Amino acid sequence: ESSAGVAVGARSGLAAVVTGILFL
């Protein structure tokens, strides 16, 4: 499902950090 984030422009680890913070 990370490909959904890539599809809207994510290219770096910052997107994964944002995802991790939201899970917390």
PDBML (XML) file of the C-alpha atoms, coordinates in Angstrom:
<?xml version="1.0" encoding="UTF-8" ?>
<PDBx:datablock datablockName="MODEL"
   xmlns:PDBx="http://pdbml.pdb.org/schema/pdbx-v50.xsd"
   xmlns:xsi="http://www.w3.org/2001/XMLSchema-instance"
   xsi:schemaLocation="http://pdbml.pdb.org/schema/pdbx-v50.xsd pdbx-v50.xsd">
   <PDBx:atom_siteCategory>
      <PDBx:atom_site id="1">
         <PDBx:B_iso_or_equiv>0.00</PDBx:B_iso_or_equiv>
         <PDBx:Cartn_x>0.000</PDBx:Cartn_x>
         <PDBx:Cartn_y>0.000</PDBx:Cartn_y>
         <PDBx:Cartn_z>0.000</PDBx:Cartn_z>
         <PDBx:auth_asym_id>A</PDBx:auth_asym_id>
         <PDBx:auth_atom_id>CA</PDBx:auth_atom_id>
         <PDBx:auth_comp_id>GLU</PDBx:auth_comp_id>
         <PDBx:auth_seq_id>1</PDBx:auth_seq_id>
         <PDBx:group_PDB>ATOM</PDBx:group_PDB>
         <PDBx:label_alt_id xsi:nil="true" />
         <PDBx:label_asym_id>A</PDBx:label_asym_id>
         <PDBx:label_atom_id>CA</PDBx:label_atom_id>
         <PDBx:label_comp_id>GLU</PDBx:label_comp_id>
         <PDBx:label_entity_id>1</PDBx:label_entity_id>
         <PDBx:label_seq_id>1</PDBx:label_seq_id>
         <PDBx:occupancy>1.00</PDBx:occupancy>
         <PDBx:pdbx_PDB_model_num>1</PDBx:pdbx_PDB_model_num>
         <PDBx:type_symbol>C</PDBx:type_symbol>
      </PDBx:atom_site>
      <PDBx:atom_site id="2">
         <PDBx:B_iso_or_equiv>0.00</PDBx:B_iso_or_equiv>
         <PDBx:Cartn_x>3.070</PDBx:Cartn_x>
         <PDBx:Cartn_y>2.255</PDBx:Cartn_y>
         <PDBx:Cartn_z>0.204</PDBx:Cartn_z>
         <PDBx:auth_asym_id>A</PDBx:auth_asym_id>
         <PDBx:auth_atom_id>CA</PDBx:auth_atom_id>
         <PDBx:auth_comp_id>SER</PDBx:auth_comp_id>
         <PDBx:auth_seq_id>2</PDBx:auth_seq_id>
         <PDBx:group_PDB>ATOM</PDBx:group_PDB>
         <PDBx:label_alt_id xsi:nil="true" />
         <PDBx:label_asym_id>A</PDBx:label_asym_id>
         <PDBx:label_atom_id>CA</PDBx:label_atom_id>
         <PDBx:label_comp_id>SER</PDBx:label_comp_id>
         <PDBx:label_entity_id>1</PDBx:label_entity_id>
         <PDBx:label_seq_id>2</PDBx:label_seq_id>
         <PDBx:occupancy>1.00</PDBx:occupancy>
         <PDBx:pdbx_PDB_model_num>1</PDBx:pdbx_PDB_model_num>
         <PDBx:type_symbol>C</PDBx:type_symbol>
      </PDBx:atom_site>
      <PDBx:atom_site id="3">
         <PDBx:B_iso_or_equiv>0.00</PDBx:B_iso_or_equiv>
         <PDBx:Cartn_x>2.695</PDBx:Cartn_x>
         <PDBx:Cartn_y>2.500</PDBx:Cartn_y>
         <PDBx:Cartn_z>-3.555</PDBx:Cartn_z>
         <PDBx:auth_asym_id>A</PDBx:auth_asym_id>
         <PDBx:auth_atom_id>CA</PDBx:auth_atom_id>
         <PDBx:auth_comp_id>SER</PDBx:auth_comp_id>
         <PDBx:auth_seq_id>3</PDBx:auth_seq_id>
         <PDBx:group_PDB>ATOM</PDBx:group_PDB>
         <PDBx:label_alt_id xsi:nil="true" />
         <PDBx:label_asym_id>A</PDBx:label_asym_id>
         <PDBx:label_atom_id>CA</PDBx:label_atom_id>
         <PDBx:label_comp_id>SER</PDBx:label_comp_id>
         <PDBx:label_entity_id>1</PDBx:label_entity_id>
         <PDBx:label_seq_id>3</PDBx:label_seq_id>
         <PDBx:occupancy>1.00</PDBx:occupancy>
         <PDBx:pdbx_PDB_model_num>1</PDBx:pdbx_PDB_model_num>
         <PDBx:type_symbol>C</PDBx:type_symbol>
      </PDBx:atom_site>
      <PDBx:atom_site id="4">
         <PDBx:B_iso_or_equiv>0.00</PDBx:B_iso_or_equiv>
         <PDBx:Cartn_x>-0.355</PDBx:Cartn_x>
         <PDBx:Cartn_y>4.700</PDBx:Cartn_y>
         <PDBx:Cartn_z>-2.895</PDBx:Cartn_z>
         <PDBx:auth_asym_id>A</PDBx:auth_asym_id>
         <PDBx:auth_atom_id>CA</PDBx:auth_atom_id>
         <PDBx:auth_comp_id>ALA</PDBx:auth_comp_id>
         <PDBx:auth_seq_id>4</PDBx:auth_seq_id>
         <PDBx:group_PDB>ATOM</PDBx:group_PDB>
         <PDBx:label_alt_id xsi:nil="true" />
         <PDBx:label_asym_id>A</PDBx:label_asym_id>
         <PDBx:label_atom_id>CA</PDBx:label_atom_id>
         <PDBx:label_comp_id>ALA</PDBx:label_comp_id>
         <PDBx:label_entity_id>1</PDBx:label_entity_id>
         <PDBx:label_seq_id>4</PDBx:label_seq_id>
         <PDBx:occupancy>1.00</PDBx:occupancy>
         <PDBx:pdbx_PDB_model_num>1</PDBx:pdbx_PDB_model_num>
         <PDBx:type_symbol>C</PDBx:type_symbol>
      </PDBx:atom_site>
      <PDBx:atom_site id="5">
         <PDBx:B_iso_or_equiv>0.00</PDBx:B_iso_or_equiv>
         <PDBx:Cartn_x>1.932</PDBx:Cartn_x>
         <PDBx:Cartn_y>7.219</PDBx:Cartn_y>
         <PDBx:Cartn_z>-1.224</PDBx:Cartn_z>
         <PDBx:auth_asym_id>A</PDBx:auth_asym_id>
         <PDBx:auth_atom_id>CA</PDBx:auth_atom_id>
         <PDBx:auth_comp_id>GLY</PDBx:auth_comp_id>
         <PDBx:auth_seq_id>5</PDBx:auth_seq_id>
         <PDBx:group_PDB>ATOM</PDBx:group_PDB>
         <PDBx:label_alt_id xsi:nil="true" />
         <PDBx:label_asym_id>A</PDBx:label_asym_id>
         <PDBx:label_atom_id>CA</PDBx:label_atom_id>
         <PDBx:label_comp_id>GLY</PDBx:label_comp_id>
         <PDBx:label_entity_id>1</PDBx:label_entity_id>
         <PDBx:label_seq_id>5</PDBx:label_seq_id>
         <PDBx:occupancy>1.00</PDBx:occupancy>
         <PDBx:pdbx_PDB_model_num>1</PDBx:pdbx_PDB_model_num>
         <PDBx:type_symbol>C</PDBx:type_symbol>
      </PDBx:atom_site>
      <PDBx:atom_site id="6">
         <PDBx:B_iso_or_equiv>0.00</PDBx:B_iso_or_equiv>
         <PDBx:Cartn_x>4.426</PDBx:Cartn_x>
         <PDBx:Cartn_y>6.978</PDBx:Cartn_y>
         <PDBx:Cartn_z>-4.071</PDBx:Cartn_z>
         <PDBx:auth_asym_id>A</PDBx:auth_asym_id>
         <PDBx:auth_atom_id>CA</PDBx:auth_atom_id>
         <PDBx:auth_comp_id>VAL</PDBx:auth_comp_id>
         <PDBx:auth_seq_id>6</PDBx:auth_seq_id>
         <PDBx:group_PDB>ATOM</PDBx:group_PDB>
         <PDBx:label_alt_id xsi:nil="true" />
         <PDBx:label_asym_id>A</PDBx:label_asym_id>
         <PDBx:label_atom_id>CA</PDBx:label_atom_id>
         <PDBx:label_comp_id>VAL</PDBx:label_comp_id>
         <PDBx:label_entity_id>1</PDBx:label_entity_id>
         <PDBx:label_seq_id>6</PDBx:label_seq_id>
         <PDBx:occupancy>1.00</PDBx:occupancy>
         <PDBx:pdbx_PDB_model_num>1</PDBx:pdbx_PDB_model_num>
         <PDBx:type_symbol>C</PDBx:type_symbol>
      </PDBx:atom_site>
      <PDBx:atom_site id="7">
         <PDBx:B_iso_or_equiv>0.00</PDBx:B_iso_or_equiv>
         <PDBx:Cartn_x>1.586</PDBx:Cartn_x>
         <PDBx:Cartn_y>7.553</PDBx:Cartn_y>
         <PDBx:Cartn_z>-6.531</PDBx:Cartn_z>
         <PDBx:auth_asym_id>A</PDBx:auth_asym_id>
         <PDBx:auth_atom_id>CA</PDBx:auth_atom_id>
         <PDBx:auth_comp_id>ALA</PDBx:auth_comp_id>
         <PDBx:auth_seq_id>7</PDBx:auth_seq_id>
         <PDBx:group_PDB>ATOM</PDBx:group_PDB>
         <PDBx:label_alt_id xsi:nil="true" />
         <PDBx:label_asym_id>A</PDBx:label_asym_id>
         <PDBx:label_atom_id>CA</PDBx:label_atom_id>
         <PDBx:label_comp_id>ALA</PDBx:label_comp_id>
         <PDBx:label_entity_id>1</PDBx:label_entity_id>
         <PDBx:label_seq_id>7</PDBx:label_seq_id>
         <PDBx:occupancy>1.00</PDBx:occupancy>
         <PDBx:pdbx_PDB_model_num>1</PDBx:pdbx_PDB_model_num>
         <PDBx:type_symbol>C</PDBx:type_symbol>
      </PDBx:atom_site>
      <PDBx:atom_site id="8">
         <PDBx:B_iso_or_equiv>0.00</PDBx:B_iso_or_equiv>
         <PDBx:Cartn_x>0.872</PDBx:Cartn_x>
         <PDBx:Cartn_y>10.956</PDBx:Cartn_y>
         <PDBx:Cartn_z>-4.946</PDBx:Cartn_z>
         <PDBx:auth_asym_id>A</PDBx:auth_asym_id>
         <PDBx:auth_atom_id>CA</PDBx:auth_atom_id>
         <PDBx:auth_comp_id>VAL</PDBx:auth_comp_id>
         <PDBx:auth_seq_id>8</PDBx:auth_seq_id>
         <PDBx:group_PDB>ATOM</PDBx:group_PDB>
         <PDBx:label_alt_id xsi:nil="true" />
         <PDBx:label_asym_id>A</PDBx:label_asym_id>
         <PDBx:label_atom_id>CA</PDBx:label_atom_id>
         <PDBx:label_comp_id>VAL</PDBx:label_comp_id>
         <PDBx:label_entity_id>1</PDBx:label_entity_id>
         <PDBx:label_seq_id>8</PDBx:label_seq_id>
         <PDBx:occupancy>1.00</PDBx:occupancy>
         <PDBx:pdbx_PDB_model_num>1</PDBx:pdbx_PDB_model_num>
         <PDBx:type_symbol>C</PDBx:type_symbol>
      </PDBx:atom_site>
      <PDBx:atom_site id="9">
         <PDBx:B_iso_or_equiv>0.00</PDBx:B_iso_or_equiv>
         <PDBx:Cartn_x>4.526</PDBx:Cartn_x>
         <PDBx:Cartn_y>12.006</PDBx:Cartn_y>
         <PDBx:Cartn_z>-5.042</PDBx:Cartn_z>
         <PDBx:auth_asym_id>A</PDBx:auth_asym_id>
         <PDBx:auth_atom_id>CA</PDBx:auth_atom_id>
         <PDBx:auth_comp_id>GLY</PDBx:auth_comp_id>
         <PDBx:auth_seq_id>9</PDBx:auth_seq_id>
         <PDBx:group_PDB>ATOM</PDBx:group_PDB>
         <PDBx:label_alt_id xsi:nil="true" />
         <PDBx:label_asym_id>A</PDBx:label_asym_id>
         <PDBx:label_atom_id>CA</PDBx:label_atom_id>
         <PDBx:label_comp_id>GLY</PDBx:label_comp_id>
         <PDBx:label_entity_id>1</PDBx:label_entity_id>
         <PDBx:label_seq_id>9</PDBx:label_seq_id>
         <PDBx:occupancy>1.00</PDBx:occupancy>
         <PDBx:pdbx_PDB_model_num>1</PDBx:pdbx_PDB_model_num>
         <PDBx:type_symbol>C</PDBx:type_symbol>
      </PDBx:atom_site>
      <PDBx:atom_site id="10">
         <PDBx:B_iso_or_equiv>0.00</PDBx:B_iso_or_equiv>
         <PDBx:Cartn_x>6.411</PDBx:Cartn_x>
         <PDBx:Cartn_y>10.426</PDBx:Cartn_y>
         <PDBx:Cartn_z>-2.123</PDBx:Cartn_z>
         <PDBx:auth_asym_id>A</PDBx:auth_asym_id>
         <PDBx:auth_atom_id>CA</PDBx:auth_atom_id>
         <PDBx:auth_comp_id>ALA</PDBx:auth_comp_id>
         <PDBx:auth_seq_id>10</PDBx:auth_seq_id>
         <PDBx:group_PDB>ATOM</PDBx:group_PDB>
         <PDBx:label_alt_id xsi:nil="true" />
         <PDBx:label_asym_id>A</PDBx:label_asym_id>
         <PDBx:label_atom_id>CA</PDBx:label_atom_id>
         <PDBx:label_comp_id>ALA</PDBx:label_comp_id>
         <PDBx:label_entity_id>1</PDBx:label_entity_id>
         <PDBx:label_seq_id>10</PDBx:label_seq_id>
         <PDBx:occupancy>1.00</PDBx:occupancy>
         <PDBx:pdbx_PDB_model_num>1</PDBx:pdbx_PDB_model_num>
         <PDBx:type_symbol>C</PDBx:type_symbol>
      </PDBx:atom_site>
      <PDBx:atom_site id="11">
         <PDBx:B_iso_or_equiv>0.00</PDBx:B_iso_or_equiv>
         <PDBx:Cartn_x>10.029</PDBx:Cartn_x>
         <PDBx:Cartn_y>9.593</PDBx:Cartn_y>
         <PDBx:Cartn_z>-2.979</PDBx:Cartn_z>
         <PDBx:auth_asym_id>A</PDBx:auth_asym_id>
         <PDBx:auth_atom_id>CA</PDBx:auth_atom_id>
         <PDBx:auth_comp_id>ARG</PDBx:auth_comp_id>
         <PDBx:auth_seq_id>11</PDBx:auth_seq_id>
         <PDBx:group_PDB>ATOM</PDBx:group_PDB>
         <PDBx:label_alt_id xsi:nil="true" />
         <PDBx:label_asym_id>A</PDBx:label_asym_id>
         <PDBx:label_atom_id>CA</PDBx:label_atom_id>
         <PDBx:label_comp_id>ARG</PDBx:label_comp_id>
         <PDBx:label_entity_id>1</PDBx:label_entity_id>
         <PDBx:label_seq_id>11</PDBx:label_seq_id>
         <PDBx:occupancy>1.00</PDBx:occupancy>
         <PDBx:pdbx_PDB_model_num>1</PDBx:pdbx_PDB_model_num>
         <PDBx:type_symbol>C</PDBx:type_symbol>
      </PDBx:atom_site>
      <PDBx:atom_site id="12">
         <PDBx:B_iso_or_equiv>0.00</PDBx:B_iso_or_equiv>
         <PDBx:Cartn_x>12.026</PDBx:Cartn_x>
         <PDBx:Cartn_y>9.776</PDBx:Cartn_y>
         <PDBx:Cartn_z>0.266</PDBx:Cartn_z>
         <PDBx:auth_asym_id>A</PDBx:auth_asym_id>
         <PDBx:auth_atom_id>CA</PDBx:auth_atom_id>
         <PDBx:auth_comp_id>SER</PDBx:auth_comp_id>
         <PDBx:auth_seq_id>12</PDBx:auth_seq_id>
         <PDBx:group_PDB>ATOM</PDBx:group_PDB>
         <PDBx:label_alt_id xsi:nil="true" />
         <PDBx:label_asym_id>A</PDBx:label_asym_id>
         <PDBx:label_atom_id>CA</PDBx:label_atom_id>
         <PDBx:label_comp_id>SER</PDBx:label_comp_id>
         <PDBx:label_entity_id>1</PDBx:label_entity_id>
         <PDBx:label_seq_id>12</PDBx:label_seq_id>
         <PDBx:occupancy>1.00</PDBx:occupancy>
         <PDBx:pdbx_PDB_model_num>1</PDBx:pdbx_PDB_model_num>
         <PDBx:type_symbol>C</PDBx:type_symbol>
      </PDBx:atom_site>
      <PDBx:atom_site id="13">
         <PDBx:B_iso_or_equiv>0.00</PDBx:B_iso_or_equiv>
         <PDBx:Cartn_x>12.178</PDBx:Cartn_x>
         <PDBx:Cartn_y>8.306</PDBx:Cartn_y>
         <PDBx:Cartn_z>3.746</PDBx:Cartn_z>
         <PDBx:auth_asym_id>A</PDBx:auth_asym_id>
         <PDBx:auth_atom_id>CA</PDBx:auth_atom_id>
         <PDBx:auth_comp_id>GLY</PDBx:auth_comp_id>
         <PDBx:auth_seq_id>13</PDBx:auth_seq_id>
         <PDBx:group_PDB>ATOM</PDBx:group_PDB>
         <PDBx:label_alt_id xsi:nil="true" />
         <PDBx:label_asym_id>A</PDBx:label_asym_id>
         <PDBx:label_atom_id>CA</PDBx:label_atom_id>
         <PDBx:label_comp_id>GLY</PDBx:label_comp_id>
         <PDBx:label_entity_id>1</PDBx:label_entity_id>
         <PDBx:label_seq_id>13</PDBx:label_seq_id>
         <PDBx:occupancy>1.00</PDBx:occupancy>
         <PDBx:pdbx_PDB_model_num>1</PDBx:pdbx_PDB_model_num>
         <PDBx:type_symbol>C</PDBx:type_symbol>
      </PDBx:atom_site>
      <PDBx:atom_site id="14">
         <PDBx:B_iso_or_equiv>0.00</PDBx:B_iso_or_equiv>
         <PDBx:Cartn_x>10.393</PDBx:Cartn_x>
         <PDBx:Cartn_y>11.367</PDBx:Cartn_y>
         <PDBx:Cartn_z>5.093</PDBx:Cartn_z>
         <PDBx:auth_asym_id>A</PDBx:auth_asym_id>
         <PDBx:auth_atom_id>CA</PDBx:auth_atom_id>
         <PDBx:auth_comp_id>LEU</PDBx:auth_comp_id>
         <PDBx:auth_seq_id>14</PDBx:auth_seq_id>
         <PDBx:group_PDB>ATOM</PDBx:group_PDB>
         <PDBx:label_alt_id xsi:nil="true" />
         <PDBx:label_asym_id>A</PDBx:label_asym_id>
         <PDBx:label_atom_id>CA</PDBx:label_atom_id>
         <PDBx:label_comp_id>LEU</PDBx:label_comp_id>
         <PDBx:label_entity_id>1</PDBx:label_entity_id>
         <PDBx:label_seq_id>14</PDBx:label_seq_id>
         <PDBx:occupancy>1.00</PDBx:occupancy>
         <PDBx:pdbx_PDB_model_num>1</PDBx:pdbx_PDB_model_num>
         <PDBx:type_symbol>C</PDBx:type_symbol>
      </PDBx:atom_site>
      <PDBx:atom_site id="15">
         <PDBx:B_iso_or_equiv>0.00</PDBx:B_iso_or_equiv>
         <PDBx:Cartn_x>7.104</PDBx:Cartn_x>
         <PDBx:Cartn_y>9.865</PDBx:Cartn_y>
         <PDBx:Cartn_z>3.882</PDBx:Cartn_z>
         <PDBx:auth_asym_id>A</PDBx:auth_asym_id>
         <PDBx:auth_atom_id>CA</PDBx:auth_atom_id>
         <PDBx:auth_comp_id>ALA</PDBx:auth_comp_id>
         <PDBx:auth_seq_id>15</PDBx:auth_seq_id>
         <PDBx:group_PDB>ATOM</PDBx:group_PDB>
         <PDBx:label_alt_id xsi:nil="true" />
         <PDBx:label_asym_id>A</PDBx:label_asym_id>
         <PDBx:label_atom_id>CA</PDBx:label_atom_id>
         <PDBx:label_comp_id>ALA</PDBx:label_comp_id>
         <PDBx:label_entity_id>1</PDBx:label_entity_id>
         <PDBx:label_seq_id>15</PDBx:label_seq_id>
         <PDBx:occupancy>1.00</PDBx:occupancy>
         <PDBx:pdbx_PDB_model_num>1</PDBx:pdbx_PDB_model_num>
         <PDBx:type_symbol>C</PDBx:type_symbol>
      </PDBx:atom_site>
      <PDBx:atom_site id="16">
         <PDBx:B_iso_or_equiv>0.00</PDBx:B_iso_or_equiv>
         <PDBx:Cartn_x>7.787</PDBx:Cartn_x>
         <PDBx:Cartn_y>6.688</PDBx:Cartn_y>
         <PDBx:Cartn_z>5.900</PDBx:Cartn_z>
         <PDBx:auth_asym_id>A</PDBx:auth_asym_id>
         <PDBx:auth_atom_id>CA</PDBx:auth_atom_id>
         <PDBx:auth_comp_id>ALA</PDBx:auth_comp_id>
         <PDBx:auth_seq_id>16</PDBx:auth_seq_id>
         <PDBx:group_PDB>ATOM</PDBx:group_PDB>
         <PDBx:label_alt_id xsi:nil="true" />
         <PDBx:label_asym_id>A</PDBx:label_asym_id>
         <PDBx:label_atom_id>CA</PDBx:label_atom_id>
         <PDBx:label_comp_id>ALA</PDBx:label_comp_id>
         <PDBx:label_entity_id>1</PDBx:label_entity_id>
         <PDBx:label_seq_id>16</PDBx:label_seq_id>
         <PDBx:occupancy>1.00</PDBx:occupancy>
         <PDBx:pdbx_PDB_model_num>1</PDBx:pdbx_PDB_model_num>
         <PDBx:type_symbol>C</PDBx:type_symbol>
      </PDBx:atom_site>
      <PDBx:atom_site id="17">
         <PDBx:B_iso_or_equiv>0.00</PDBx:B_iso_or_equiv>
         <PDBx:Cartn_x>8.612</PDBx:Cartn_x>
         <PDBx:Cartn_y>8.809</PDBx:Cartn_y>
         <PDBx:Cartn_z>8.961</PDBx:Cartn_z>
         <PDBx:auth_asym_id>A</PDBx:auth_asym_id>
         <PDBx:auth_atom_id>CA</PDBx:auth_atom_id>
         <PDBx:auth_comp_id>VAL</PDBx:auth_comp_id>
         <PDBx:auth_seq_id>17</PDBx:auth_seq_id>
         <PDBx:group_PDB>ATOM</PDBx:group_PDB>
         <PDBx:label_alt_id xsi:nil="true" />
         <PDBx:label_asym_id>A</PDBx:label_asym_id>
         <PDBx:label_atom_id>CA</PDBx:label_atom_id>
         <PDBx:label_comp_id>VAL</PDBx:label_comp_id>
         <PDBx:label_entity_id>1</PDBx:label_entity_id>
         <PDBx:label_seq_id>17</PDBx:label_seq_id>
         <PDBx:occupancy>1.00</PDBx:occupancy>
         <PDBx:pdbx_PDB_model_num>1</PDBx:pdbx_PDB_model_num>
         <PDBx:type_symbol>C</PDBx:type_symbol>
      </PDBx:atom_site>
      <PDBx:atom_site id="18">
         <PDBx:B_iso_or_equiv>0.00</PDBx:B_iso_or_equiv>
         <PDBx:Cartn_x>5.274</PDBx:Cartn_x>
         <PDBx:Cartn_y>10.598</PDBx:Cartn_y>
         <PDBx:Cartn_z>8.589</PDBx:Cartn_z>
         <PDBx:auth_asym_id>A</PDBx:auth_asym_id>
         <PDBx:auth_atom_id>CA</PDBx:auth_atom_id>
         <PDBx:auth_comp_id>VAL</PDBx:auth_comp_id>
         <PDBx:auth_seq_id>18</PDBx:auth_seq_id>
         <PDBx:group_PDB>ATOM</PDBx:group_PDB>
         <PDBx:label_alt_id xsi:nil="true" />
         <PDBx:label_asym_id>A</PDBx:label_asym_id>
         <PDBx:label_atom_id>CA</PDBx:label_atom_id>
         <PDBx:label_comp_id>VAL</PDBx:label_comp_id>
         <PDBx:label_entity_id>1</PDBx:label_entity_id>
         <PDBx:label_seq_id>18</PDBx:label_seq_id>
         <PDBx:occupancy>1.00</PDBx:occupancy>
         <PDBx:pdbx_PDB_model_num>1</PDBx:pdbx_PDB_model_num>
         <PDBx:type_symbol>C</PDBx:type_symbol>
      </PDBx:atom_site>
      <PDBx:atom_site id="19">
         <PDBx:B_iso_or_equiv>0.00</PDBx:B_iso_or_equiv>
         <PDBx:Cartn_x>3.543</PDBx:Cartn_x>
         <PDBx:Cartn_y>7.206</PDBx:Cartn_y>
         <PDBx:Cartn_z>8.315</PDBx:Cartn_z>
         <PDBx:auth_asym_id>A</PDBx:auth_asym_id>
         <PDBx:auth_atom_id>CA</PDBx:auth_atom_id>
         <PDBx:auth_comp_id>THR</PDBx:auth_comp_id>
         <PDBx:auth_seq_id>19</PDBx:auth_seq_id>
         <PDBx:group_PDB>ATOM</PDBx:group_PDB>
         <PDBx:label_alt_id xsi:nil="true" />
         <PDBx:label_asym_id>A</PDBx:label_asym_id>
         <PDBx:label_atom_id>CA</PDBx:label_atom_id>
         <PDBx:label_comp_id>THR</PDBx:label_comp_id>
         <PDBx:label_entity_id>1</PDBx:label_entity_id>
         <PDBx:label_seq_id>19</PDBx:label_seq_id>
         <PDBx:occupancy>1.00</PDBx:occupancy>
         <PDBx:pdbx_PDB_model_num>1</PDBx:pdbx_PDB_model_num>
         <PDBx:type_symbol>C</PDBx:type_symbol>
      </PDBx:atom_site>
      <PDBx:atom_site id="20">
         <PDBx:B_iso_or_equiv>0.00</PDBx:B_iso_or_equiv>
         <PDBx:Cartn_x>5.313</PDBx:Cartn_x>
         <PDBx:Cartn_y>5.985</PDBx:Cartn_y>
         <PDBx:Cartn_z>11.463</PDBx:Cartn_z>
         <PDBx:auth_asym_id>A</PDBx:auth_asym_id>
         <PDBx:auth_atom_id>CA</PDBx:auth_atom_id>
         <PDBx:auth_comp_id>GLY</PDBx:auth_comp_id>
         <PDBx:auth_seq_id>20</PDBx:auth_seq_id>
         <PDBx:group_PDB>ATOM</PDBx:group_PDB>
         <PDBx:label_alt_id xsi:nil="true" />
         <PDBx:label_asym_id>A</PDBx:label_asym_id>
         <PDBx:label_atom_id>CA</PDBx:label_atom_id>
         <PDBx:label_comp_id>GLY</PDBx:label_comp_id>
         <PDBx:label_entity_id>1</PDBx:label_entity_id>
         <PDBx:label_seq_id>20</PDBx:label_seq_id>
         <PDBx:occupancy>1.00</PDBx:occupancy>
         <PDBx:pdbx_PDB_model_num>1</PDBx:pdbx_PDB_model_num>
         <PDBx:type_symbol>C</PDBx:type_symbol>
      </PDBx:atom_site>
      <PDBx:atom_site id="21">
         <PDBx:B_iso_or_equiv>0.00</PDBx:B_iso_or_equiv>
         <PDBx:Cartn_x>4.350</PDBx:Cartn_x>
         <PDBx:Cartn_y>9.067</PDBx:Cartn_y>
         <PDBx:Cartn_z>13.470</PDBx:Cartn_z>
         <PDBx:auth_asym_id>A</PDBx:auth_asym_id>
         <PDBx:auth_atom_id>CA</PDBx:auth_atom_id>
         <PDBx:auth_comp_id>ILE</PDBx:auth_comp_id>
         <PDBx:auth_seq_id>21</PDBx:auth_seq_id>
         <PDBx:group_PDB>ATOM</PDBx:group_PDB>
         <PDBx:label_alt_id xsi:nil="true" />
         <PDBx:label_asym_id>A</PDBx:label_asym_id>
         <PDBx:label_atom_id>CA</PDBx:label_atom_id>
         <PDBx:label_comp_id>ILE</PDBx:label_comp_id>
         <PDBx:label_entity_id>1</PDBx:label_entity_id>
         <PDBx:label_seq_id>21</PDBx:label_seq_id>
         <PDBx:occupancy>1.00</PDBx:occupancy>
         <PDBx:pdbx_PDB_model_num>1</PDBx:pdbx_PDB_model_num>
         <PDBx:type_symbol>C</PDBx:type_symbol>
      </PDBx:atom_site>
      <PDBx:atom_site id="22">
         <PDBx:B_iso_or_equiv>0.00</PDBx:B_iso_or_equiv>
         <PDBx:Cartn_x>0.719</PDBx:Cartn_x>
         <PDBx:Cartn_y>8.682</PDBx:Cartn_y>
         <PDBx:Cartn_z>12.397</PDBx:Cartn_z>
         <PDBx:auth_asym_id>A</PDBx:auth_asym_id>
         <PDBx:auth_atom_id>CA</PDBx:auth_atom_id>
         <PDBx:auth_comp_id>LEU</PDBx:auth_comp_id>
         <PDBx:auth_seq_id>22</PDBx:auth_seq_id>
         <PDBx:group_PDB>ATOM</PDBx:group_PDB>
         <PDBx:label_alt_id xsi:nil="true" />
         <PDBx:label_asym_id>A</PDBx:label_asym_id>
         <PDBx:label_atom_id>CA</PDBx:label_atom_id>
         <PDBx:label_comp_id>LEU</PDBx:label_comp_id>
         <PDBx:label_entity_id>1</PDBx:label_entity_id>
         <PDBx:label_seq_id>22</PDBx:label_seq_id>
         <PDBx:occupancy>1.00</PDBx:occupancy>
         <PDBx:pdbx_PDB_model_num>1</PDBx:pdbx_PDB_model_num>
         <PDBx:type_symbol>C</PDBx:type_symbol>
      </PDBx:atom_site>
      <PDBx:atom_site id="23">
         <PDBx:B_iso_or_equiv>0.00</PDBx:B_iso_or_equiv>
         <PDBx:Cartn_x>0.728</PDBx:Cartn_x>
         <PDBx:Cartn_y>5.063</PDBx:Cartn_y>
         <PDBx:Cartn_z>13.576</PDBx:Cartn_z>
         <PDBx:auth_asym_id>A</PDBx:auth_asym_id>
         <PDBx:auth_atom_id>CA</PDBx:auth_atom_id>
         <PDBx:auth_comp_id>PHE</PDBx:auth_comp_id>
         <PDBx:auth_seq_id>23</PDBx:auth_seq_id>
         <PDBx:group_PDB>ATOM</PDBx:group_PDB>
         <PDBx:label_alt_id xsi:nil="true" />
         <PDBx:label_asym_id>A</PDBx:label_asym_id>
         <PDBx:label_atom_id>CA</PDBx:label_atom_id>
         <PDBx:label_comp_id>PHE</PDBx:label_comp_id>
         <PDBx:label_entity_id>1</PDBx:label_entity_id>
         <PDBx:label_seq_id>23</PDBx:label_seq_id>
         <PDBx:occupancy>1.00</PDBx:occupancy>
         <PDBx:pdbx_PDB_model_num>1</PDBx:pdbx_PDB_model_num>
         <PDBx:type_symbol>C</PDBx:type_symbol>
      </PDBx:atom_site>
      <PDBx:atom_site id="24">
         <PDBx:B_iso_or_equiv>0.00</PDBx:B_iso_or_equiv>
         <PDBx:Cartn_x>1.924</PDBx:Cartn_x>
         <PDBx:Cartn_y>6.268</PDBx:Cartn_y>
         <PDBx:Cartn_z>16.989</PDBx:Cartn_z>
         <PDBx:auth_asym_id>A</PDBx:auth_asym_id>
         <PDBx:auth_atom_id>CA</PDBx:auth_atom_id>
         <PDBx:auth_comp_id>LEU</PDBx:auth_comp_id>
         <PDBx:auth_seq_id>24</PDBx:auth_seq_id>
         <PDBx:group_PDB>ATOM</PDBx:group_PDB>
         <PDBx:label_alt_id xsi:nil="true" />
         <PDBx:label_asym_id>A</PDBx:label_asym_id>
         <PDBx:label_atom_id>CA</PDBx:label_atom_id>
         <PDBx:label_comp_id>LEU</PDBx:label_comp_id>
         <PDBx:label_entity_id>1</PDBx:label_entity_id>
         <PDBx:label_seq_id>24</PDBx:label_seq_id>
         <PDBx:occupancy>1.00</PDBx:occupancy>
         <PDBx:pdbx_PDB_model_num>1</PDBx:pdbx_PDB_model_num>
         <PDBx:type_symbol>C</PDBx:type_symbol>
      </PDBx:atom_site>
   </PDBx:atom_siteCategory>
</PDBx:datablock>
